[in-house]
Amino acid sequence: MAKTKLLFCDSNDNGTLEVFWNESNEITLWLEQHNEYPTTISLDKQTSIKLVKTLKSEISKIEGGSNV
């Protein structure tokens, strides 16, 4: 598997979310906010898939019910 990292910035430029695969075959989310300690969470494949489905559902609510 390719070693890649993806970085997201929040809408207020107060923090970042970094997403990457770790060597334990998990997806790690690393959240950093200004003046805060970083927070990490690692999810197994099944939980990562559930997170993606939940995010898609919540995004569709923001866009007025359109499918993502």
N, C-alpha and C. Protein backbone atom coordinates (compact mmCIF):
# COMPACT_ATOMS: atom_id res chain seq x y z
N MET A 1 0.84 -1.18 0.00
CA MET A 1 0.00 0.00 0.00
C MET A 1 0.89 1.25 0.00
N ALA A 2 0.48 2.24 -0.77
CA ALA A 2 1.25 3.48 -0.85
C ALA A 2 1.23 4.21 0.48
N LYS A 3 2.33 4.82 0.81
CA LYS A 3 2.41 5.60 2.03
C LYS A 3 2.04 7.04 1.70
N THR A 4 0.80 7.40 2.00
CA THR A 4 0.31 8.75 1.72
C THR A 4 -0.36 9.32 2.94
N LYS A 5 -0.44 10.64 3.00
CA LYS A 5 -1.15 11.35 4.04
C LYS A 5 -2.00 12.42 3.37
N LEU A 6 -3.17 12.65 3.92
CA LEU A 6 -4.08 13.64 3.38
C LEU A 6 -4.39 14.62 4.50
N LEU A 7 -4.28 15.91 4.21
CA LEU A 7 -4.45 16.95 5.22
C LEU A 7 -5.65 17.82 4.86
N PHE A 8 -6.56 17.99 5.83
CA PHE A 8 -7.73 18.85 5.68
C PHE A 8 -7.59 20.02 6.63
N CYS A 9 -7.97 21.22 6.18
CA CYS A 9 -7.94 22.41 7.02
C CYS A 9 -9.36 22.80 7.38
N ASP A 10 -9.58 23.26 8.61
CA ASP A 10 -10.94 23.63 8.98
C ASP A 10 -11.33 24.96 8.37
N SER A 11 -12.62 25.26 8.38
CA SER A 11 -13.14 26.45 7.68
C SER A 11 -12.67 27.76 8.30
N ASN A 12 -12.17 27.73 9.53
CA ASN A 12 -11.70 28.95 10.19
C ASN A 12 -10.18 29.03 10.27
N ASP A 13 -9.49 28.10 9.60
CA ASP A 13 -8.02 28.03 9.65
C ASP A 13 -7.48 27.93 11.08
N ASN A 14 -8.23 27.25 11.94
CA ASN A 14 -7.80 27.07 13.32
C ASN A 14 -7.23 25.68 13.59
N GLY A 15 -7.29 24.81 12.60
CA GLY A 15 -6.81 23.47 12.84
C GLY A 15 -6.74 22.65 11.57
N THR A 16 -6.19 21.45 11.72
CA THR A 16 -6.06 20.54 10.58
C THR A 16 -6.44 19.13 11.02
N LEU A 17 -6.86 18.35 10.04
CA LEU A 17 -7.14 16.93 10.22
C LEU A 17 -6.29 16.18 9.22
N GLU A 18 -5.43 15.33 9.72
CA GLU A 18 -4.56 14.52 8.86
C GLU A 18 -5.06 13.09 8.88
N VAL A 19 -5.15 12.47 7.72
CA VAL A 19 -5.66 11.11 7.59
C VAL A 19 -4.60 10.25 6.91
N PHE A 20 -4.29 9.11 7.51
CA PHE A 20 -3.31 8.22 6.90
C PHE A 20 -3.49 6.79 7.38
N TRP A 21 -2.98 5.86 6.57
CA TRP A 21 -2.96 4.45 6.90
C TRP A 21 -1.75 4.18 7.78
N ASN A 22 -1.93 3.40 8.83
CA ASN A 22 -0.79 3.07 9.67
C ASN A 22 -0.39 1.60 9.46
N GLU A 23 0.72 1.21 10.01
CA GLU A 23 1.27 -0.12 9.78
C GLU A 23 0.51 -1.22 10.52
N SER A 24 -0.49 -0.85 11.31
CA SER A 24 -1.36 -1.83 11.96
C SER A 24 -2.62 -2.10 11.13
N ASN A 25 -2.58 -1.65 9.86
CA ASN A 25 -3.71 -1.78 8.94
C ASN A 25 -4.95 -1.06 9.46
N GLU A 26 -4.75 0.12 9.97
CA GLU A 26 -5.83 0.97 10.45
C GLU A 26 -5.73 2.33 9.76
N ILE A 27 -6.81 3.07 9.83
CA ILE A 27 -6.81 4.46 9.37
C ILE A 27 -6.66 5.33 10.60
N THR A 28 -5.67 6.22 10.58
CA THR A 28 -5.44 7.12 11.71
C THR A 28 -5.89 8.53 11.34
N LEU A 29 -6.63 9.15 12.24
CA LEU A 29 -7.05 10.54 12.11
C LEU A 29 -6.31 11.33 13.18
N TRP A 30 -5.60 12.36 12.77
CA TRP A 30 -4.78 13.19 13.65
C TRP A 30 -5.34 14.60 13.59
N LEU A 31 -5.92 15.08 14.68
CA LEU A 31 -6.54 16.39 14.73
C LEU A 31 -5.67 17.34 15.53
N GLU A 32 -5.30 18.46 14.90
CA GLU A 32 -4.53 19.50 15.59
C GLU A 32 -5.30 20.81 15.51
N GLN A 33 -5.46 21.46 16.66
CA GLN A 33 -6.07 22.78 16.72
C GLN A 33 -5.10 23.72 17.41
N HIS A 34 -5.14 24.99 17.01
CA HIS A 34 -4.24 25.97 17.60
C HIS A 34 -4.41 25.99 19.12
N ASN A 35 -3.30 26.03 19.83
CA ASN A 35 -3.26 26.11 21.29
C ASN A 35 -3.88 24.90 21.99
N GLU A 36 -3.92 23.76 21.32
CA GLU A 36 -4.46 22.52 21.89
C GLU A 36 -3.47 21.38 21.64
N TYR A 37 -3.53 20.37 22.47
CA TYR A 37 -2.73 19.18 22.22
C TYR A 37 -3.36 18.39 21.07
N PRO A 38 -2.55 17.77 20.22
CA PRO A 38 -3.10 16.96 19.12
C PRO A 38 -3.90 15.77 19.67
N THR A 39 -4.90 15.37 18.93
CA THR A 39 -5.73 14.22 19.28
C THR A 39 -5.67 13.23 18.14
N THR A 40 -5.52 11.95 18.46
CA THR A 40 -5.50 10.93 17.42
C THR A 40 -6.53 9.85 17.73
N ILE A 41 -7.00 9.23 16.66
CA ILE A 41 -7.85 8.05 16.78
C ILE A 41 -7.51 7.15 15.61
N SER A 42 -7.42 5.85 15.87
CA SER A 42 -7.16 4.88 14.82
C SER A 42 -8.36 3.96 14.71
N LEU A 43 -8.81 3.75 13.47
CA LEU A 43 -10.00 2.96 13.22
C LEU A 43 -9.67 1.75 12.35
N ASP A 44 -10.28 0.61 12.68
CA ASP A 44 -10.11 -0.55 11.82
C ASP A 44 -10.92 -0.34 10.53
N LYS A 45 -10.78 -1.25 9.58
CA LYS A 45 -11.40 -1.08 8.27
C LYS A 45 -12.93 -0.97 8.38
N GLN A 46 -13.56 -1.84 9.14
CA GLN A 46 -15.01 -1.84 9.27
C GLN A 46 -15.51 -0.53 9.87
N THR A 47 -14.85 -0.03 10.88
CA THR A 47 -15.25 1.22 11.51
C THR A 47 -15.00 2.40 10.58
N SER A 48 -13.91 2.36 9.81
CA SER A 48 -13.62 3.41 8.84
C SER A 48 -14.71 3.49 7.78
N ILE A 49 -15.17 2.34 7.31
CA ILE A 49 -16.25 2.31 6.32
C ILE A 49 -17.53 2.90 6.91
N LYS A 50 -17.84 2.56 8.16
CA LYS A 50 -19.02 3.12 8.82
C LYS A 50 -18.89 4.64 8.94
N LEU A 51 -17.70 5.14 9.24
CA LEU A 51 -17.47 6.58 9.34
C LEU A 51 -17.74 7.25 7.99
N VAL A 52 -17.25 6.66 6.91
CA VAL A 52 -17.47 7.23 5.57
C VAL A 52 -18.96 7.29 5.26
N LYS A 53 -19.69 6.22 5.54
CA LYS A 53 -21.13 6.20 5.28
C LYS A 53 -21.85 7.26 6.10
N THR A 54 -21.45 7.42 7.35
CA THR A 54 -22.06 8.43 8.20
C THR A 54 -21.76 9.84 7.70
N LEU A 55 -20.52 10.08 7.29
CA LEU A 55 -20.16 11.39 6.74
C LEU A 55 -20.96 11.70 5.49
N LYS A 56 -21.12 10.73 4.59
CA LYS A 56 -21.91 10.94 3.38
C LYS A 56 -23.34 11.29 3.72
N SER A 57 -23.90 10.61 4.70
CA SER A 57 -25.27 10.88 5.13
C SER A 57 -25.41 12.30 5.67
N GLU A 58 -24.47 12.70 6.51
CA GLU A 58 -24.51 14.05 7.10
C GLU A 58 -24.29 15.12 6.04
N ILE A 59 -23.40 14.87 5.08
CA ILE A 59 -23.15 15.83 3.99
C ILE A 59 -24.41 16.02 3.15
N SER A 60 -25.12 14.95 2.89
CA SER A 60 -26.34 15.07 2.10
C SER A 60 -27.37 15.94 2.81
N LYS A 61 -27.37 15.97 4.12
CA LYS A 61 -28.28 16.84 4.87
C LYS A 61 -27.89 18.30 4.70
N ILE A 62 -26.61 18.59 4.64
CA ILE A 62 -26.12 19.96 4.45
C ILE A 62 -26.51 20.47 3.07
N GLU A 63 -26.43 19.61 2.08
CA GLU A 63 -26.70 20.02 0.70
C GLU A 63 -28.18 19.95 0.35
N GLY A 64 -29.04 19.86 1.34
CA GLY A 64 -30.46 19.86 1.08
C GLY A 64 -31.02 18.56 0.56
N GLY A 65 -30.38 17.45 0.93
CA GLY A 65 -30.93 16.14 0.58
C GLY A 65 -30.38 15.53 -0.69
N SER A 66 -29.46 16.18 -1.39
CA SER A 66 -28.90 15.57 -2.60
C SER A 66 -27.97 14.42 -2.22
N ASN A 67 -27.89 13.43 -3.08
CA ASN A 67 -27.01 12.28 -2.83
C ASN A 67 -25.57 12.65 -3.10
N VAL A 68 -24.67 12.07 -2.31
CA VAL A 68 -23.23 12.28 -2.50
C VAL A 68 -22.65 11.05 -3.13
